[in-house]
Amino acid sequence: MHEMSLAESVREIVDETARGNGAHRVTRVRLEIGRLAQIELQAMQFAFDVVKRGSLAEGASLEIIEVNGSAWCLGCSQPALIAQRGQACPHCGSYQLQVNGGDRMRVMDIEIE
């Protein structure tokens, strides 16, 4: 379950940022997770709930914003929205897609007190 190590990294980023801004606690964390990032959203939520204990984010809520995957089709030279890797181009049916978005996770922002 790589979500646990990802959640630990998120908690470290959040704690470091909150401390750097003089916060006493974090109330909300917003994550952007791409559909192609291979992260199970429920597992990420569970993992964050576990790793935030004892940190500045202990009482924080986690909001996950899921982002569509996007690619460039080498067959028809068109942008394409895709839900998973290995999917055919919706325009021409080619499998020669170069992923250019929706394959990452990032901390969008945090709310602190």
Foldseek 3Di string as FASTA:
>chain_A
DCLLVVLLVVLVVVQVVCVVVVFQAWAEWEKEAFLAQPDDVVVNQVSNCVNCPPGSHNNHHYHYHYDWWWWAAPVPRDIATDNYQQAAGPPPRHNRTGTDDRRDMDTPDIHGD
